[in-house]
């Protein structure tokens, strides 16, 4: 088990990690989800011992590892930008951690063949890395990490450079493979959809902080803070400011009432959040909430359309099925089921706890 307690790191006055608290168990997939520069890579480097925090403690299986050199830790790391040994063959690259560990040739050959088969590298074992494609070289880096049977496996956007088909296959295979080794597995991504496919646990990161940590599906359905909902929304979360007064909840600056359960809501400002795929062109029930806007542009992607529109001075986007031909300046109406609305208070804390459906 890897435990981080109040870990912080700053450099030249810039805060990279701020009071990180995490407990990561063996055999479980732990995802770091957040935009570029959220602190994911820095946190992984601190976990691995490549960077030392300014304060806080890091323990592995109850023992502090802050003073343990990197070379003495049983760690495997794979980056988006793969690193292989250029003078060694593919076989020698994969076998290198096993040779360092002192395994005999029979065991090394068996492990290399097993991992090479899994990552479709069998036919390249005698070749040098520079003769492989980018995707093949990334698979080689993954093979070296997998064969090592490390106690801590750190994967920093490892599938970003692979082709779509192989990426989808490995998303389902990698967590299971590393989990069987009993390792602590940490996986960084910027893609909410990838986190949902991988499952496990997710830590939502923003500006060097852990905003929320827990089972991935729970975080998606029940974000505790506005930043969690935003981190898990792609396209971005649609938001609008509401005011709570005698008339109930209204869109700020208008008289439009938003009919949501309002128990325990005090007077003041709130933020309503809606994911793009929860906007519908058709009314599903009598309690649906209607929002009207002016179209900016419509983009089509396969069998879906992204309708960008202005709603009460806010840029919103709706992701709807089918090919839609709305033009710039056209008026459009959308409908939202109340159960698909997030409501956050002035401190960006969730104030309703609906179970939002998952749409992949």
Protein backbone atom coordinates (compact mmCIF):
# COMPACT_ATOMS: atom_id res chain seq x y z
CA UNK A 1 0.00 0.00 0.00
CA UNK A 2 1.26 3.48 -0.91
CA UNK A 3 0.31 6.29 1.49
CA UNK A 4 0.87 10.00 0.92
CA UNK A 5 0.18 12.32 3.83
CA UNK A 6 0.08 16.12 3.37
CA UNK A 7 2.61 16.01 0.52
CA UNK A 8 3.49 19.40 -0.98
CA UNK A 9 6.09 20.57 -3.49
CA UNK A 10 7.01 24.10 -4.58
CA UNK A 11 9.79 25.48 -6.78
CA UNK A 12 10.79 29.13 -7.09
CA UNK A 13 7.56 30.18 -5.42
CA UNK A 14 5.36 28.11 -7.74
CA UNK A 15 3.21 25.44 -6.09
CA UNK A 16 3.19 22.12 -7.97
CA UNK A 17 1.61 19.90 -5.30
CA UNK A 18 -0.55 21.20 -2.48
CA UNK A 19 -1.35 19.07 0.57
CA UNK A 20 -1.81 15.73 -1.21
CA UNK A 21 -3.43 12.95 0.83
CA UNK A 22 -3.84 9.57 -0.88
CA UNK A 23 -3.95 5.90 0.08
CA UNK A 24 -3.43 3.52 -2.85
CA UNK A 25 -3.88 -0.22 -2.33
CA UNK A 26 -2.13 -3.10 -4.05
CA UNK A 27 -3.97 -4.79 -6.89
CA UNK A 28 -6.18 -1.76 -7.58
CA UNK A 29 -6.02 0.64 -10.50
CA UNK A 30 -5.63 4.24 -9.39
CA UNK A 31 -6.19 6.93 -12.01
CA UNK A 32 -4.91 10.50 -11.85
CA UNK A 33 -7.35 12.51 -13.97
CA UNK A 34 -6.89 16.15 -14.80
CA UNK A 35 -5.91 18.63 -17.50
CA UNK A 36 -2.35 19.32 -18.59
CA UNK A 37 -0.35 21.00 -15.78
CA UNK A 38 -2.76 19.75 -13.10
CA UNK A 39 0.19 18.12 -11.30
CA UNK A 40 -0.23 14.49 -12.41
CA UNK A 41 3.33 13.93 -13.66
CA UNK A 42 4.85 15.80 -10.71
CA UNK A 43 2.88 13.63 -8.29
CA UNK A 44 4.05 10.48 -10.06
CA UNK A 45 7.68 11.63 -9.91
CA UNK A 46 7.31 12.22 -6.18
CA UNK A 47 5.78 8.76 -5.74
CA UNK A 48 8.72 7.24 -7.60
CA UNK A 49 11.34 9.19 -5.65
CA UNK A 50 12.55 11.22 -8.63
CA UNK A 51 11.48 14.44 -6.88
CA UNK A 52 11.46 15.08 -3.14
CA UNK A 53 8.51 16.90 -1.56
CA UNK A 54 9.02 20.00 0.59
CA UNK A 55 6.89 18.50 3.32
CA UNK A 56 4.71 15.51 4.05
CA UNK A 57 5.37 11.78 4.29
CA UNK A 58 5.33 8.89 1.81
CA UNK A 59 5.10 5.31 3.06
CA UNK A 60 5.08 2.01 1.21
CA UNK A 61 3.65 -0.91 3.17
CA UNK A 62 4.01 1.19 6.31
CA UNK A 63 7.69 2.09 5.80
CA UNK A 64 8.88 5.58 4.87
CA UNK A 65 10.51 5.70 1.42
CA UNK A 66 11.52 9.36 1.36
CA UNK A 67 15.18 8.50 1.97
CA UNK A 68 15.29 5.44 -0.30
CA UNK A 69 17.21 6.01 -3.59
CA UNK A 70 15.25 5.42 -6.80
CA UNK A 71 17.55 2.59 -7.88
CA UNK A 72 16.74 0.69 -4.69
CA UNK A 73 12.99 0.83 -5.24
CA UNK A 74 11.09 -1.83 -7.16
CA UNK A 75 9.36 0.58 -9.54
CA UNK A 76 8.39 0.47 -13.22
CA UNK A 77 7.55 3.66 -15.11
CA UNK A 78 6.19 4.23 -18.62
CA UNK A 79 5.78 7.70 -20.09
CA UNK A 80 3.83 8.98 -23.07
CA UNK A 81 7.21 9.65 -24.65
CA UNK A 82 8.64 6.13 -24.59
CA UNK A 83 12.20 5.44 -23.44
CA UNK A 84 13.94 2.31 -24.77
CA UNK A 85 17.58 1.21 -24.95
CA UNK A 86 18.57 1.96 -28.58
CA UNK A 87 21.60 -0.38 -28.73
CA UNK A 88 19.70 -3.40 -27.42
CA UNK A 89 17.33 -5.63 -29.37
CA UNK A 90 13.64 -5.78 -28.52
CA UNK A 91 14.27 -9.06 -26.69
CA UNK A 92 17.16 -7.55 -24.73
CA UNK A 93 15.07 -4.48 -23.84
CA UNK A 94 12.28 -6.61 -22.41
CA UNK A 95 14.69 -8.97 -20.66
CA UNK A 96 16.84 -6.24 -19.10
CA UNK A 97 14.90 -5.93 -15.78
CA UNK A 98 14.91 -9.72 -15.41
CA UNK A 99 18.67 -9.95 -15.95
CA UNK A 100 19.23 -7.27 -13.32
CA UNK A 101 17.03 -9.30 -10.96
CA UNK A 102 19.26 -12.34 -11.54
CA UNK A 103 16.73 -14.70 -13.15
CA UNK A 104 18.05 -17.65 -15.14
CA UNK A 105 17.74 -17.79 -18.93
CA UNK A 106 14.87 -20.28 -18.96
CA UNK A 107 12.70 -18.04 -16.78
CA UNK A 108 13.73 -14.95 -18.72
CA UNK A 109 12.85 -16.55 -22.06
CA UNK A 110 9.48 -17.67 -20.71
CA UNK A 111 8.56 -14.24 -19.34
CA UNK A 112 9.75 -12.39 -22.44
CA UNK A 113 7.77 -14.71 -24.73
CA UNK A 114 4.65 -14.27 -22.60
CA UNK A 115 4.79 -10.47 -22.51
CA UNK A 116 5.89 -10.14 -26.15
CA UNK A 117 2.91 -12.23 -27.20
CA UNK A 118 0.52 -10.11 -25.19
CA UNK A 119 1.79 -6.87 -26.73
CA UNK A 120 2.24 -8.34 -30.22
CA UNK A 121 5.99 -7.96 -30.34
CA UNK A 122 6.98 -11.59 -31.09
CA UNK A 123 8.07 -10.93 -34.67
CA UNK A 124 10.25 -7.99 -33.64
CA UNK A 125 12.34 -9.60 -30.89
CA UNK A 126 15.57 -9.53 -32.93
CA UNK A 127 15.15 -5.97 -34.16
CA UNK A 128 16.41 -2.69 -32.67
CA UNK A 129 13.92 -0.13 -31.31
CA UNK A 130 14.73 2.45 -34.00
CA UNK A 131 13.38 0.09 -36.67
CA UNK A 132 9.95 0.00 -35.00
CA UNK A 133 7.03 2.36 -35.45
CA UNK A 134 6.12 4.79 -32.68
CA UNK A 135 3.29 2.56 -31.49
CA UNK A 136 5.53 -0.51 -31.48
CA UNK A 137 8.17 1.33 -29.45
CA UNK A 138 5.54 2.34 -26.90
CA UNK A 139 4.43 -1.29 -26.66
CA UNK A 140 8.06 -2.20 -26.03
CA UNK A 141 8.24 0.27 -23.14
CA UNK A 142 5.04 -1.23 -21.71
CA UNK A 143 6.46 -4.74 -22.09
CA UNK A 144 9.56 -3.83 -20.10
CA UNK A 145 7.39 -2.42 -17.31
CA UNK A 146 5.07 -5.43 -17.30
CA UNK A 147 7.83 -8.05 -17.27
CA UNK A 148 9.54 -6.45 -14.27
CA UNK A 149 6.78 -7.39 -11.80
CA UNK A 150 7.39 -4.17 -9.88
CA UNK A 151 5.65 -3.26 -6.62
CA UNK A 152 4.79 0.22 -7.90
CA UNK A 153 3.84 0.69 -11.56
CA UNK A 154 3.50 4.25 -12.85
CA UNK A 155 1.93 4.80 -16.27
CA UNK A 156 1.90 8.42 -17.49
CA UNK A 157 -0.55 8.56 -20.44
CA UNK A 158 1.04 5.35 -21.81
CA UNK A 159 -1.49 4.67 -24.58
CA UNK A 160 -1.62 8.15 -26.11
CA UNK A 161 0.65 7.25 -29.05
CA UNK A 162 -0.97 3.93 -29.92
CA UNK A 163 -3.48 3.31 -32.70
CA UNK A 164 -7.14 3.31 -31.72
CA UNK A 165 -7.74 -0.45 -31.92
CA UNK A 166 -4.73 -1.42 -29.81
CA UNK A 167 -5.43 1.39 -27.34
CA UNK A 168 -8.95 0.07 -26.77
CA UNK A 169 -7.67 -3.49 -26.30
CA UNK A 170 -4.97 -2.50 -23.83
CA UNK A 171 -7.34 -0.30 -21.83
CA UNK A 172 -9.21 -3.44 -20.85
CA UNK A 173 -6.15 -5.70 -20.50
CA UNK A 174 -3.55 -3.57 -18.69
CA UNK A 175 -5.35 -3.04 -15.37
CA UNK A 176 -6.02 -6.77 -15.06
CA UNK A 177 -2.46 -7.73 -15.94
CA UNK A 178 -0.79 -5.38 -13.50
CA UNK A 179 -3.37 -6.07 -10.79
CA UNK A 180 -2.59 -9.78 -10.90
CA UNK A 181 0.99 -8.95 -9.93
CA UNK A 182 -0.23 -7.32 -6.70
CA UNK A 183 1.40 -4.01 -7.58
CA UNK A 184 0.20 -0.53 -6.73
CA UNK A 185 -0.86 0.75 -10.16
CA UNK A 186 -1.03 4.49 -10.91
CA UNK A 187 -2.28 5.65 -14.32
CA UNK A 188 -2.42 9.27 -15.48
CA UNK A 189 -4.78 10.55 -18.17
CA UNK A 190 -6.38 13.77 -19.35
CA UNK A 191 -9.38 11.94 -20.83
CA UNK A 192 -12.53 11.41 -18.71
CA UNK A 193 -13.71 8.76 -21.17
CA UNK A 194 -10.51 6.76 -20.61
CA UNK A 195 -10.95 6.92 -16.84
CA UNK A 196 -14.51 5.59 -17.18
CA UNK A 197 -13.38 2.71 -19.38
CA UNK A 198 -10.52 1.79 -17.04
CA UNK A 199 -12.65 1.94 -13.89
CA UNK A 200 -10.85 1.43 -10.59
CA UNK A 201 -10.38 4.53 -8.44
CA UNK A 202 -9.86 8.08 -9.68
CA UNK A 203 -8.23 11.13 -8.15
CA UNK A 204 -9.48 14.32 -9.82
CA UNK A 205 -6.59 16.80 -9.92
CA UNK A 206 -6.66 20.56 -10.43
CA UNK A 207 -3.76 22.97 -9.88
CA UNK A 208 -1.72 20.56 -7.78
CA UNK A 209 -4.61 19.51 -5.53
CA UNK A 210 -6.66 16.33 -5.18
CA UNK A 211 -10.20 17.64 -5.54
CA UNK A 212 -11.86 14.26 -4.95
CA UNK A 213 -10.78 10.61 -4.76
CA UNK A 214 -12.85 7.45 -4.87
CA UNK A 215 -14.35 4.78 -7.16
CA UNK A 216 -14.35 6.17 -10.70
CA UNK A 217 -18.05 5.68 -11.39
CA UNK A 218 -18.99 7.26 -8.06
CA UNK A 219 -16.98 10.39 -8.88
CA UNK A 220 -18.65 10.65 -12.26
CA UNK A 221 -22.15 10.24 -10.85
CA UNK A 222 -21.66 12.11 -7.59
CA UNK A 223 -19.06 14.88 -7.87
CA UNK A 224 -18.62 16.59 -4.51
CA UNK A 225 -17.32 19.83 -6.00
CA UNK A 226 -17.65 21.89 -9.16
CA UNK A 227 -14.03 21.14 -10.10
CA UNK A 228 -14.71 17.38 -9.92
CA UNK A 229 -17.67 17.73 -12.28
CA UNK A 230 -15.59 19.85 -14.65
CA UNK A 231 -12.68 17.41 -14.61
CA UNK A 232 -15.03 14.56 -15.55
CA UNK A 233 -16.76 16.45 -18.39
CA UNK A 234 -15.62 16.32 -22.01
CA UNK A 235 -16.88 18.41 -23.79
CA UNK A 236 -16.68 20.90 -20.91
CA UNK A 237 -19.42 21.15 -18.30
CA UNK A 238 -22.09 23.75 -19.12
CA UNK A 239 -22.66 26.16 -16.23
CA UNK A 240 -24.95 29.08 -15.41
CA UNK A 241 -25.42 31.15 -12.25
CA UNK A 242 -28.70 30.79 -10.33
CA UNK A 243 -30.16 32.95 -7.58
CA UNK A 244 -32.23 31.61 -4.68
CA UNK A 245 -34.89 34.05 -3.51
CA UNK A 246 -38.57 34.21 -2.65
CA UNK A 247 -39.48 33.07 -6.15
CA UNK A 248 -37.29 29.98 -5.83
CA UNK A 249 -34.29 29.26 -8.02
CA UNK A 250 -34.03 31.59 -11.00
CA UNK A 251 -31.39 32.15 -13.64
CA UNK A 252 -29.48 35.22 -12.50
CA UNK A 253 -30.57 38.35 -14.33
CA UNK A 254 -33.79 36.73 -15.59
CA UNK A 255 -37.16 35.66 -14.28
CA UNK A 256 -36.83 32.07 -15.55
CA UNK A 257 -37.46 29.66 -12.69
CA UNK A 258 -35.47 26.42 -12.46
CA UNK A 259 -37.64 23.83 -10.72
CA UNK A 260 -35.28 21.74 -8.62
CA UNK A 261 -35.67 20.29 -5.11
CA UNK A 262 -34.74 23.22 -2.88
CA UNK A 263 -34.78 21.77 0.62
CA UNK A 264 -32.11 23.33 2.83
CA UNK A 265 -31.12 25.89 0.19
CA UNK A 266 -30.50 29.31 1.69
CA UNK A 267 -30.84 32.56 -0.24
CA UNK A 268 -27.83 33.33 -2.41
CA UNK A 269 -25.96 32.40 -5.57
CA UNK A 270 -25.61 28.87 -6.95
CA UNK A 271 -24.02 27.28 -10.01
CA UNK A 272 -26.02 24.89 -12.17
CA UNK A 273 -23.94 22.36 -14.11
CA UNK A 274 -25.11 20.22 -17.02
CA UNK A 275 -23.07 17.79 -19.11
CA UNK A 276 -23.42 18.32 -22.89
CA UNK A 277 -24.93 14.89 -23.58
CA UNK A 278 -27.71 15.59 -21.07
CA UNK A 279 -29.18 18.30 -23.29
CA UNK A 280 -31.96 16.93 -25.49
CA UNK A 281 -33.80 18.43 -28.45
CA UNK A 282 -36.92 16.55 -27.39
CA UNK A 283 -38.94 16.89 -24.20
CA UNK A 284 -39.00 13.59 -22.32
CA UNK A 285 -41.32 14.44 -19.43
CA UNK A 286 -43.45 17.21 -17.97
CA UNK A 287 -40.78 18.11 -15.42
CA UNK A 288 -37.99 18.67 -17.96
CA UNK A 289 -36.31 22.08 -17.74
CA UNK A 290 -36.24 24.10 -20.95
CA UNK A 291 -33.29 26.28 -21.94
CA UNK A 292 -33.29 28.48 -25.03
CA UNK A 293 -30.30 29.90 -26.82
CA UNK A 294 -28.84 31.30 -30.01
CA UNK A 295 -26.69 28.95 -32.09
CA UNK A 296 -23.07 29.91 -32.66
CA UNK A 297 -21.98 26.93 -34.75
CA UNK A 298 -22.88 23.27 -35.31
CA UNK A 299 -20.16 20.63 -35.68
CA UNK A 300 -20.80 17.10 -36.89
CA UNK A 301 -18.77 14.09 -35.80
CA UNK A 302 -19.87 10.74 -37.18
CA UNK A 303 -23.48 10.18 -36.14
CA UNK A 304 -23.42 12.96 -33.52
CA UNK A 305 -23.64 16.74 -33.58
CA UNK A 306 -22.11 19.35 -31.30
CA UNK A 307 -24.38 22.38 -31.14
CA UNK A 308 -22.59 25.41 -29.68
CA UNK A 309 -24.98 28.10 -28.48
CA UNK A 310 -25.24 31.12 -26.21
CA UNK A 311 -27.43 30.71 -23.15
CA UNK A 312 -27.90 33.75 -20.92
CA UNK A 313 -24.46 35.08 -21.84
CA UNK A 314 -22.74 31.71 -21.36
CA UNK A 315 -21.22 29.56 -24.10
CA UNK A 316 -22.87 26.14 -23.91
CA UNK A 317 -22.54 23.02 -26.05
CA UNK A 318 -25.03 20.21 -26.59
CA UNK A 319 -23.96 16.75 -27.77
CA UNK A 320 -26.94 15.20 -29.55
CA UNK A 321 -27.48 12.14 -31.71
CA UNK A 322 -27.99 12.48 -35.44
CA UNK A 323 -26.93 15.04 -38.01
CA UNK A 324 -28.33 18.45 -37.03
CA UNK A 325 -28.32 21.47 -39.35
CA UNK A 326 -28.68 24.46 -37.06
CA UNK A 327 -27.16 27.66 -38.40
CA UNK A 328 -25.45 30.57 -36.69
CA UNK A 329 -28.03 32.95 -35.23
CA UNK A 330 -30.82 30.38 -35.18
CA UNK A 331 -32.91 30.02 -32.00
CA UNK A 332 -32.87 26.55 -30.43
CA UNK A 333 -34.56 24.93 -27.42
CA UNK A 334 -33.11 22.13 -25.30
CA UNK A 335 -34.58 20.08 -22.47
CA UNK A 336 -32.85 18.78 -19.34
CA UNK A 337 -34.08 16.14 -16.93
CA UNK A 338 -33.77 17.54 -13.38
CA UNK A 339 -31.95 14.38 -12.27
CA UNK A 340 -29.15 15.27 -14.70
CA UNK A 341 -28.47 18.67 -13.14
CA UNK A 342 -25.70 19.40 -10.63
CA UNK A 343 -26.21 22.28 -8.21
CA UNK A 344 -23.22 23.84 -6.44
CA UNK A 345 -23.18 26.50 -3.74
CA UNK A 346 -21.00 29.62 -3.51
CA UNK A 347 -18.10 27.49 -2.22
CA UNK A 348 -18.47 25.14 -5.23
CA UNK A 349 -19.75 22.28 -3.05
CA UNK A 350 -22.47 19.99 -4.36
CA UNK A 351 -25.93 20.72 -2.95
CA UNK A 352 -27.94 18.01 -4.70
CA UNK A 353 -26.99 14.34 -4.95
CA UNK A 354 -28.71 13.02 -8.02
CA UNK A 355 -27.54 9.77 -9.58
CA UNK A 356 -26.54 10.98 -13.02
CA UNK A 357 -26.66 8.34 -15.71
CA UNK A 358 -23.47 7.25 -17.46
CA UNK A 359 -23.34 7.68 -21.22
CA UNK A 360 -20.17 6.47 -22.95
